[in-house]
Full PDB file with SEQRES, HELIX, SHEET, SSBOND, CRYST1, ORIGX, SCALE, CONECT and MASTER records, all heavy atoms in Angstrom:
SEQRES   1 A   34  GLY GLU ARG PRO GLY VAL PRO ALA PRO ASP ASP ARG VAL          
SEQRES   2 A   34  SER THR LEU ASP LEU LEU ALA LEU PHE ASP ALA GLN VAL          
SEQRES   3 A   34  GLN SER ARG HIS LEU ASP LEU ALA                              
HELIX    1 AA1 THR A   15  LEU A   33  1                                  19    
CRYST1    1.000    1.000    1.000  90.00  90.00  90.00 P 1           1          
ORIGX1      1.000000  0.000000  0.000000        0.00000                         
ORIGX2      0.000000  1.000000  0.000000        0.00000                         
ORIGX3      0.000000  0.000000  1.000000        0.00000                         
SCALE1      1.000000  0.000000  0.000000        0.00000                         
SCALE2      0.000000  1.000000  0.000000        0.00000                         
SCALE3      0.000000  0.000000  1.000000        0.00000                         
ATOM      1  N   GLY A   1     108.849  68.045 105.959  1.00  0.00           N  
ATOM      2  CA  GLY A   1     108.536  67.362 104.728  1.00  0.00           C  
ATOM      3  C   GLY A   1     107.051  67.328 104.425  1.00  0.00           C  
ATOM      4  O   GLY A   1     106.254  67.969 105.094  1.00  0.00           O  
ATOM      5  N   GLU A   2     106.684  66.546 103.446  1.00  0.00           N  
ATOM      6  CA  GLU A   2     105.331  66.490 102.946  1.00  0.00           C  
ATOM      7  C   GLU A   2     104.380  65.950 104.003  1.00  0.00           C  
ATOM      8  O   GLU A   2     104.649  64.988 104.695  1.00  0.00           O  
ATOM      9  CB  GLU A   2     105.239  65.623 101.693  1.00  0.00           C  
ATOM     10  CG  GLU A   2     103.896  65.647 100.989  1.00  0.00           C  
ATOM     11  CD  GLU A   2     103.963  64.978  99.601  1.00  0.00           C  
ATOM     12  OE1 GLU A   2     105.087  64.610  99.210  1.00  0.00           O  
ATOM     13  OE2 GLU A   2     102.919  64.832  98.965  1.00  0.00           O  
ATOM     14  N   ARG A   3     103.203  66.610 104.106  1.00  0.00           N  
ATOM     15  CA  ARG A   3     102.188  66.221 105.090  1.00  0.00           C  
ATOM     16  C   ARG A   3     101.250  65.175 104.479  1.00  0.00           C  
ATOM     17  O   ARG A   3     100.777  65.396 103.355  1.00  0.00           O  
ATOM     18  CB  ARG A   3     101.399  67.439 105.542  1.00  0.00           C  
ATOM     19  CG  ARG A   3     100.362  67.119 106.603  1.00  0.00           C  
ATOM     20  CD  ARG A   3      99.775  68.333 107.226  1.00  0.00           C  
ATOM     21  NE  ARG A   3      99.093  69.209 106.262  1.00  0.00           N  
ATOM     22  CZ  ARG A   3      98.251  70.173 106.588  1.00  0.00           C  
ATOM     23  NH1 ARG A   3      97.976  70.413 107.847  1.00  0.00           N  
ATOM     24  NH2 ARG A   3      97.683  70.932 105.640  1.00  0.00           N  
ATOM     25  N   PRO A   4     100.992  64.081 105.142  1.00  0.00           N  
ATOM     26  CA  PRO A   4     100.066  63.090 104.579  1.00  0.00           C  
ATOM     27  C   PRO A   4      98.627  63.586 104.628  1.00  0.00           C  
ATOM     28  O   PRO A   4      98.267  64.482 105.402  1.00  0.00           O  
ATOM     29  CB  PRO A   4     100.261  61.868 105.532  1.00  0.00           C  
ATOM     30  CG  PRO A   4     100.723  62.476 106.797  1.00  0.00           C  
ATOM     31  CD  PRO A   4     101.550  63.659 106.438  1.00  0.00           C  
ATOM     32  N   GLY A   5      97.778  62.991 103.788  1.00  0.00           N  
ATOM     33  CA  GLY A   5      96.341  63.312 103.839  1.00  0.00           C  
ATOM     34  C   GLY A   5      95.955  64.551 103.105  1.00  0.00           C  
ATOM     35  O   GLY A   5      94.831  65.032 103.256  1.00  0.00           O  
ATOM     36  N   VAL A   6      96.842  65.131 102.238  1.00  0.00           N  
ATOM     37  CA  VAL A   6      96.512  66.326 101.501  1.00  0.00           C  
ATOM     38  C   VAL A   6      95.559  65.941 100.355  1.00  0.00           C  
ATOM     39  O   VAL A   6      95.777  64.954  99.689  1.00  0.00           O  
ATOM     40  CB  VAL A   6      97.790  67.021 100.945  1.00  0.00           C  
ATOM     41  CG1 VAL A   6      97.404  68.179 100.050  1.00  0.00           C  
ATOM     42  CG2 VAL A   6      98.677  67.447 102.064  1.00  0.00           C  
ATOM     43  N   PRO A   7      94.497  66.709 100.147  1.00  0.00           N  
ATOM     44  CA  PRO A   7      93.535  66.346  99.067  1.00  0.00           C  
ATOM     45  C   PRO A   7      94.221  66.336  97.723  1.00  0.00           C  
ATOM     46  O   PRO A   7      95.230  66.988  97.456  1.00  0.00           O  
ATOM     47  CB  PRO A   7      92.513  67.480  99.148  1.00  0.00           C  
ATOM     48  CG  PRO A   7      92.596  68.001 100.538  1.00  0.00           C  
ATOM     49  CD  PRO A   7      94.072  67.842 100.914  1.00  0.00           C  
ATOM     50  N   ALA A   8      93.633  65.520  96.817  1.00  0.00           N  
ATOM     51  CA  ALA A   8      94.149  65.430  95.432  1.00  0.00           C  
ATOM     52  C   ALA A   8      94.072  66.775  94.774  1.00  0.00           C  
ATOM     53  O   ALA A   8      93.176  67.548  95.072  1.00  0.00           O  
ATOM     54  CB  ALA A   8      93.365  64.360  94.647  1.00  0.00           C  
ATOM     55  N   PRO A   9      94.985  67.058  93.851  1.00  0.00           N  
ATOM     56  CA  PRO A   9      94.938  68.341  93.175  1.00  0.00           C  
ATOM     57  C   PRO A   9      93.659  68.590  92.428  1.00  0.00           C  
ATOM     58  O   PRO A   9      93.041  67.697  91.883  1.00  0.00           O  
ATOM     59  CB  PRO A   9      96.129  68.222  92.156  1.00  0.00           C  
ATOM     60  CG  PRO A   9      97.010  67.203  92.726  1.00  0.00           C  
ATOM     61  CD  PRO A   9      96.117  66.234  93.420  1.00  0.00           C  
ATOM     62  N   ASP A  10      93.201  69.864  92.462  1.00  0.00           N  
ATOM     63  CA  ASP A  10      91.976  70.299  91.817  1.00  0.00           C  
ATOM     64  C   ASP A  10      92.344  70.860  90.455  1.00  0.00           C  
ATOM     65  O   ASP A  10      92.982  71.937  90.380  1.00  0.00           O  
ATOM     66  CB  ASP A  10      91.267  71.323  92.700  1.00  0.00           C  
ATOM     67  CG  ASP A  10      89.868  71.687  92.188  1.00  0.00           C  
ATOM     68  OD1 ASP A  10      89.644  71.579  90.958  1.00  0.00           O  
ATOM     69  OD2 ASP A  10      89.024  72.039  93.023  1.00  0.00           O  
ATOM     70  N   ASP A  11      91.950  70.164  89.374  1.00  0.00           N  
ATOM     71  CA  ASP A  11      92.387  70.623  88.044  1.00  0.00           C  
ATOM     72  C   ASP A  11      91.637  71.818  87.547  1.00  0.00           C  
ATOM     73  O   ASP A  11      91.879  72.337  86.433  1.00  0.00           O  
ATOM     74  CB  ASP A  11      92.266  69.459  87.040  1.00  0.00           C  
ATOM     75  CG  ASP A  11      90.856  68.918  86.909  1.00  0.00           C  
ATOM     76  OD1 ASP A  11      89.921  69.558  87.493  1.00  0.00           O  
ATOM     77  OD2 ASP A  11      90.649  67.901  86.254  1.00  0.00           O  
ATOM     78  N   ARG A  12      90.686  72.353  88.339  1.00  0.00           N  
ATOM     79  CA  ARG A  12      90.010  73.572  87.936  1.00  0.00           C  
ATOM     80  C   ARG A  12      90.864  74.826  88.143  1.00  0.00           C  
ATOM     81  O   ARG A  12      90.540  75.909  87.698  1.00  0.00           O  
ATOM     82  CB  ARG A  12      88.697  73.729  88.708  1.00  0.00           C  
ATOM     83  CG  ARG A  12      87.640  72.655  88.419  1.00  0.00           C  
ATOM     84  CD  ARG A  12      86.442  72.866  89.331  1.00  0.00           C  
ATOM     85  NE  ARG A  12      86.775  72.710  90.743  1.00  0.00           N  
ATOM     86  CZ  ARG A  12      85.967  72.942  91.748  1.00  0.00           C  
ATOM     87  NH1 ARG A  12      84.689  73.383  91.498  1.00  0.00           N  
ATOM     88  NH2 ARG A  12      86.345  72.751  93.000  1.00  0.00           N  
ATOM     89  N   VAL A  13      91.985  74.647  88.872  1.00  0.00           N  
ATOM     90  CA  VAL A  13      92.847  75.755  89.179  1.00  0.00           C  
ATOM     91  C   VAL A  13      94.269  75.394  88.686  1.00  0.00           C  
ATOM     92  O   VAL A  13      94.778  74.327  88.939  1.00  0.00           O  
ATOM     93  CB  VAL A  13      92.885  76.037  90.707  1.00  0.00           C  
ATOM     94  CG1 VAL A  13      93.918  77.108  91.041  1.00  0.00           C  
ATOM     95  CG2 VAL A  13      91.513  76.449  91.176  1.00  0.00           C  
ATOM     96  N   SER A  14      94.897  76.343  88.002  1.00  0.00           N  
ATOM     97  CA  SER A  14      96.206  76.106  87.456  1.00  0.00           C  
ATOM     98  C   SER A  14      97.290  76.200  88.521  1.00  0.00           C  
ATOM     99  O   SER A  14      97.080  76.840  89.565  1.00  0.00           O  
ATOM    100  CB  SER A  14      96.521  77.058  86.301  1.00  0.00           C  
ATOM    101  OG  SER A  14      96.753  78.379  86.852  1.00  0.00           O  
ATOM    102  N   THR A  15      98.414  75.548  88.212  1.00  0.00           N  
ATOM    103  CA  THR A  15      99.549  75.668  89.120  1.00  0.00           C  
ATOM    104  C   THR A  15     100.056  77.072  89.206  1.00  0.00           C  
ATOM    105  O   THR A  15     100.459  77.558  90.290  1.00  0.00           O  
ATOM    106  CB  THR A  15     100.678  74.746  88.624  1.00  0.00           C  
ATOM    107  OG1 THR A  15     100.225  73.355  88.634  1.00  0.00           O  
ATOM    108  CG2 THR A  15     101.922  74.848  89.512  1.00  0.00           C  
ATOM    109  N   LEU A  16     100.025  77.804  88.092  1.00  0.00           N  
ATOM    110  CA  LEU A  16     100.486  79.211  88.135  1.00  0.00           C  
ATOM    111  C   LEU A  16      99.622  80.049  89.086  1.00  0.00           C  
ATOM    112  O   LEU A  16     100.119  80.910  89.787  1.00  0.00           O  
ATOM    113  CB  LEU A  16     100.463  79.804  86.730  1.00  0.00           C  
ATOM    114  CG  LEU A  16     101.573  79.336  85.785  1.00  0.00           C  
ATOM    115  CD1 LEU A  16     101.394  79.944  84.376  1.00  0.00           C  
ATOM    116  CD2 LEU A  16     102.967  79.697  86.342  1.00  0.00           C  
ATOM    117  N   ASP A  17      98.329  79.760  89.077  1.00  0.00           N  
ATOM    118  CA  ASP A  17      97.440  80.502  89.963  1.00  0.00           C  
ATOM    119  C   ASP A  17      97.785  80.189  91.415  1.00  0.00           C  
ATOM    120  O   ASP A  17      97.761  81.083  92.289  1.00  0.00           O  
ATOM    121  CB  ASP A  17      95.972  80.106  89.684  1.00  0.00           C  
ATOM    122  CG  ASP A  17      95.414  80.867  88.481  1.00  0.00           C  
ATOM    123  OD1 ASP A  17      96.033  81.850  88.048  1.00  0.00           O  
ATOM    124  OD2 ASP A  17      94.377  80.407  87.930  1.00  0.00           O  
ATOM    125  N   LEU A  18      98.034  78.901  91.718  1.00  0.00           N  
ATOM    126  CA  LEU A  18      98.382  78.564  93.082  1.00  0.00           C  
ATOM    127  C   LEU A  18      99.699  79.164  93.516  1.00  0.00           C  
ATOM    128  O   LEU A  18      99.855  79.574  94.682  1.00  0.00           O  
ATOM    129  CB  LEU A  18      98.401  77.031  93.242  1.00  0.00           C  
ATOM    130  CG  LEU A  18      97.056  76.311  93.288  1.00  0.00           C  
ATOM    131  CD1 LEU A  18      97.243  74.824  93.341  1.00  0.00           C  
ATOM    132  CD2 LEU A  18      96.223  76.792  94.464  1.00  0.00           C  
ATOM    133  N   LEU A  19     100.654  79.213  92.593  1.00  0.00           N  
ATOM    134  CA  LEU A  19     101.914  79.870  92.943  1.00  0.00           C  
ATOM    135  C   LEU A  19     101.747  81.348  93.222  1.00  0.00           C  
ATOM    136  O   LEU A  19     102.297  81.897  94.177  1.00  0.00           O  
ATOM    137  CB  LEU A  19     102.917  79.662  91.784  1.00  0.00           C  
ATOM    138  CG  LEU A  19     103.564  78.286  91.683  1.00  0.00           C  
ATOM    139  CD1 LEU A  19     104.321  78.140  90.375  1.00  0.00           C  
ATOM    140  CD2 LEU A  19     104.524  78.028  92.862  1.00  0.00           C  
ATOM    141  N   ALA A  20     100.890  81.987  92.389  1.00  0.00           N  
ATOM    142  CA  ALA A  20     100.600  83.410  92.643  1.00  0.00           C  
ATOM    143  C   ALA A  20      99.931  83.626  93.959  1.00  0.00           C  
ATOM    144  O   ALA A  20     100.204  84.589  94.716  1.00  0.00           O  
ATOM    145  CB  ALA A  20      99.798  84.009  91.484  1.00  0.00           C  
ATOM    146  N   LEU A  21      98.987  82.707  94.268  1.00  0.00           N  
ATOM    147  CA  LEU A  21      98.274  82.821  95.536  1.00  0.00           C  
ATOM    148  C   LEU A  21      99.241  82.624  96.701  1.00  0.00           C  
ATOM    149  O   LEU A  21      99.197  83.375  97.684  1.00  0.00           O  
ATOM    150  CB  LEU A  21      97.182  81.718  95.571  1.00  0.00           C  
ATOM    151  CG  LEU A  21      96.371  81.637  96.853  1.00  0.00           C  
ATOM    152  CD1 LEU A  21      95.601  82.935  97.148  1.00  0.00           C  
ATOM    153  CD2 LEU A  21      95.401  80.463  96.810  1.00  0.00           C  
ATOM    154  N   PHE A  22     100.116  81.660  96.590  1.00  0.00           N  
ATOM    155  CA  PHE A  22     101.077  81.385  97.687  1.00  0.00           C  
ATOM    156  C   PHE A  22     101.963  82.609  97.898  1.00  0.00           C  
ATOM    157  O   PHE A  22     102.204  83.035  99.034  1.00  0.00           O  
ATOM    158  CB  PHE A  22     101.899  80.142  97.325  1.00  0.00           C  
ATOM    159  CG  PHE A  22     102.846  79.719  98.409  1.00  0.00           C  
ATOM    160  CD1 PHE A  22     102.409  79.298  99.654  1.00  0.00           C  
ATOM    161  CD2 PHE A  22     104.232  79.740  98.199  1.00  0.00           C  
ATOM    162  CE1 PHE A  22     103.305  78.916 100.631  1.00  0.00           C  
ATOM    163  CE2 PHE A  22     105.143  79.363  99.201  1.00  0.00           C  
ATOM    164  CZ  PHE A  22     104.666  78.957 100.409  1.00  0.00           C  
ATOM    165  N   ASP A  23     102.483  83.193  96.830  1.00  0.00           N  
ATOM    166  CA  ASP A  23     103.359  84.328  96.979  1.00  0.00           C  
ATOM    167  C   ASP A  23     102.679  85.507  97.660  1.00  0.00           C  
ATOM    168  O   ASP A  23     103.258  86.189  98.530  1.00  0.00           O  
ATOM    169  CB  ASP A  23     103.901  84.754  95.630  1.00  0.00           C  
ATOM    170  CG  ASP A  23     104.947  83.765  95.056  1.00  0.00           C  
ATOM    171  OD1 ASP A  23     105.492  82.950  95.854  1.00  0.00           O  
ATOM    172  OD2 ASP A  23     105.191  83.818  93.860  1.00  0.00           O  
ATOM    173  N   ALA A  24     101.448  85.748  97.319  1.00  0.00           N  
ATOM    174  CA  ALA A  24     100.679  86.839  97.921  1.00  0.00           C  
ATOM    175  C   ALA A  24     100.431  86.528  99.418  1.00  0.00           C  
ATOM    176  O   ALA A  24     100.553  87.450 100.265  1.00  0.00           O  
ATOM    177  CB  ALA A  24      99.340  87.045  97.213  1.00  0.00           C  
ATOM    178  N   GLN A  25     100.110  85.287  99.719  1.00  0.00           N  
ATOM    179  CA  GLN A  25      99.838  84.946 101.120  1.00  0.00           C  
ATOM    180  C   GLN A  25     101.108  85.043 101.969  1.00  0.00           C  
ATOM    181  O   GLN A  25     101.044  85.548 103.102  1.00  0.00           O  
ATOM    182  CB  GLN A  25      99.278  83.520 101.156  1.00  0.00           C  
ATOM    183  CG  GLN A  25      97.890  83.367 100.573  1.00  0.00           C  
ATOM    184  CD  GLN A  25      97.431  81.942 100.550  1.00  0.00           C  
ATOM    185  OE1 GLN A  25      98.206  81.030 100.295  1.00  0.00           O  
ATOM    186  NE2 GLN A  25      96.137  81.731 100.812  1.00  0.00           N  
ATOM    187  N   VAL A  26     102.191  84.558 101.440  1.00  0.00           N  
ATOM    188  CA  VAL A  26     103.448  84.592 102.195  1.00  0.00           C  
ATOM    189  C   VAL A  26     103.909  86.038 102.406  1.00  0.00           C  
ATOM    190  O   VAL A  26     104.388  86.430 103.481  1.00  0.00           O  
ATOM    191  CB  VAL A  26     104.507  83.790 101.448  1.00  0.00           C  
ATOM    192  CG1 VAL A  26     105.904  84.031 102.017  1.00  0.00           C  
ATOM    193  CG2 VAL A  26     104.181  82.282 101.533  1.00  0.00           C  
ATOM    194  N   GLN A  27     103.754  86.869 101.359  1.00  0.00           N  
ATOM    195  CA  GLN A  27     104.118  88.278 101.518  1.00  0.00           C  
ATOM    196  C   GLN A  27     103.313  88.912 102.633  1.00  0.00           C  
ATOM    197  O   GLN A  27     103.858  89.633 103.483  1.00  0.00           O  
ATOM    198  CB  GLN A  27     103.866  89.009 100.202  1.00  0.00           C  
ATOM    199  CG  GLN A  27     104.244  90.479 100.220  1.00  0.00           C  
ATOM    200  CD  GLN A  27     103.808  91.171  98.930  1.00  0.00           C  
ATOM    201  OE1 GLN A  27     102.893  91.966  98.928  1.00  0.00           O  
ATOM    202  NE2 GLN A  27     104.472  90.825  97.828  1.00  0.00           N  
ATOM    203  N   SER A  28     102.026  88.672 102.657  1.00  0.00           N  
ATOM    204  CA  SER A  28     101.140  89.238 103.685  1.00  0.00           C  
ATOM    205  C   SER A  28     101.584  88.755 105.086  1.00  0.00           C  
ATOM    206  O   SER A  28     101.598  89.560 106.054  1.00  0.00           O  
ATOM    207  CB  SER A  28      99.691  88.878 103.404  1.00  0.00           C  
ATOM    208  OG  SER A  28      98.853  89.324 104.436  1.00  0.00           O  
ATOM    209  N   ARG A  29     101.900  87.463 105.200  1.00  0.00           N  
ATOM    210  CA  ARG A  29     102.274  86.924 106.501  1.00  0.00           C  
ATOM    211  C   ARG A  29     103.533  87.596 107.021  1.00  0.00           C  
ATOM    212  O   ARG A  29     103.611  87.946 108.210  1.00  0.00           O  
ATOM    213  CB  ARG A  29     102.478  85.403 106.342  1.00  0.00           C  
ATOM    214  CG  ARG A  29     102.936  84.646 107.625  1.00  0.00           C  
ATOM    215  CD  ARG A  29     101.854  84.669 108.722  1.00  0.00           C  
ATOM    216  NE  ARG A  29     100.634  84.134 108.256  1.00  0.00           N  
ATOM    217  CZ  ARG A  29     100.277  82.776 108.273  1.00  0.00           C  
ATOM    218  NH1 ARG A  29     101.177  81.915 108.697  1.00  0.00           N  
ATOM    219  NH2 ARG A  29      99.110  82.407 107.870  1.00  0.00           N  
ATOM    220  N   HIS A  30     104.507  87.755 106.179  1.00  0.00           N  
ATOM    221  CA  HIS A  30     105.754  88.389 106.639  1.00  0.00           C  
ATOM    222  C   HIS A  30     105.596  89.865 106.946  1.00  0.00           C  
ATOM    223  O   HIS A  30     106.304  90.402 107.789  1.00  0.00           O  
ATOM    224  CB  HIS A  30     106.872  88.087 105.667  1.00  0.00           C  
ATOM    225  CG  HIS A  30     107.378  86.678 105.760  1.00  0.00           C  
ATOM    226  ND1 HIS A  30     107.957  86.181 106.907  1.00  0.00           N  
ATOM    227  CD2 HIS A  30     107.397  85.678 104.875  1.00  0.00           C  
ATOM    228  CE1 HIS A  30     108.288  84.928 106.715  1.00  0.00           C  
ATOM    229  NE2 HIS A  30     107.960  84.580 105.464  1.00  0.00           N  
ATOM    230  N   LEU A  31     104.694  90.506 106.259  1.00  0.00           N  
ATOM    231  CA  LEU A  31     104.381  91.896 106.614  1.00  0.00           C  
ATOM    232  C   LEU A  31     103.803  91.991 108.020  1.00  0.00           C  
ATOM    233  O   LEU A  31     104.113  92.896 108.772  1.00  0.00           O  
ATOM    234  CB  LEU A  31     103.438  92.517 105.575  1.00  0.00           C  
ATOM    235  CG  LEU A  31     104.100  92.872 104.239  1.00  0.00           C  
ATOM    236  CD1 LEU A  31     103.018  93.187 103.204  1.00  0.00           C  
ATOM    237  CD2 LEU A  31     105.050  94.068 104.395  1.00  0.00           C  
ATOM    238  N   ASP A  32     102.984  91.040 108.378  1.00  0.00           N  
ATOM    239  CA  ASP A  32     102.446  91.004 109.755  1.00  0.00           C  
ATOM    240  C   ASP A  32     103.554  90.804 110.793  1.00  0.00           C  
ATOM    241  O   ASP A  32     103.578  91.459 111.845  1.00  0.00           O  
ATOM    242  CB  ASP A  32     101.416  89.889 109.897  1.00  0.00           C  
ATOM    243  CG  ASP A  32     100.058  90.205 109.240  1.00  0.00           C  
ATOM    244  OD1 ASP A  32      99.852  91.403 108.928  1.00  0.00           O  
ATOM    245  OD2 ASP A  32      99.276  89.305 109.065  1.00  0.00           O  
ATOM    246  N   LEU A  33     104.489  89.948 110.462  1.00  0.00           N  
ATOM    247  CA  LEU A  33     105.599  89.697 111.366  1.00  0.00           C  
ATOM    248  C   LEU A  33     106.495  90.922 111.484  1.00  0.00           C  
ATOM    249  O   LEU A  33     106.966  91.288 112.548  1.00  0.00           O  
ATOM    250  CB  LEU A  33     106.395  88.469 110.928  1.00  0.00           C  
ATOM    251  CG  LEU A  33     105.639  87.141 110.902  1.00  0.00           C  
ATOM    252  CD1 LEU A  33     106.452  86.071 110.206  1.00  0.00           C  
ATOM    253  CD2 LEU A  33     105.290  86.735 112.317  1.00  0.00           C  
ATOM    254  N   ALA A  34     106.692  91.597 110.325  1.00  0.00           N  
ATOM    255  CA  ALA A  34     107.501  92.812 110.308  1.00  0.00           C  
ATOM    256  C   ALA A  34     106.850  93.917 111.133  1.00  0.00           C  
ATOM    257  O   ALA A  34     107.548  94.749 111.745  1.00  0.00           O  
ATOM    258  CB  ALA A  34     107.754  93.274 108.893  1.00  0.00           C  
TER     259      ALA A  34                                                      
MASTER        0    0    0    1    0    0    0    6  258    1    0    3          
END                                                                             
């Protein structure tokens, strides 16, 4: 579940950008495992 102590959201970055960033990072991580 959710981890406590996460910094407040930074409104200089959009949610869409963070989702795109997450997808790229996760893809890279699983390529390393593969």
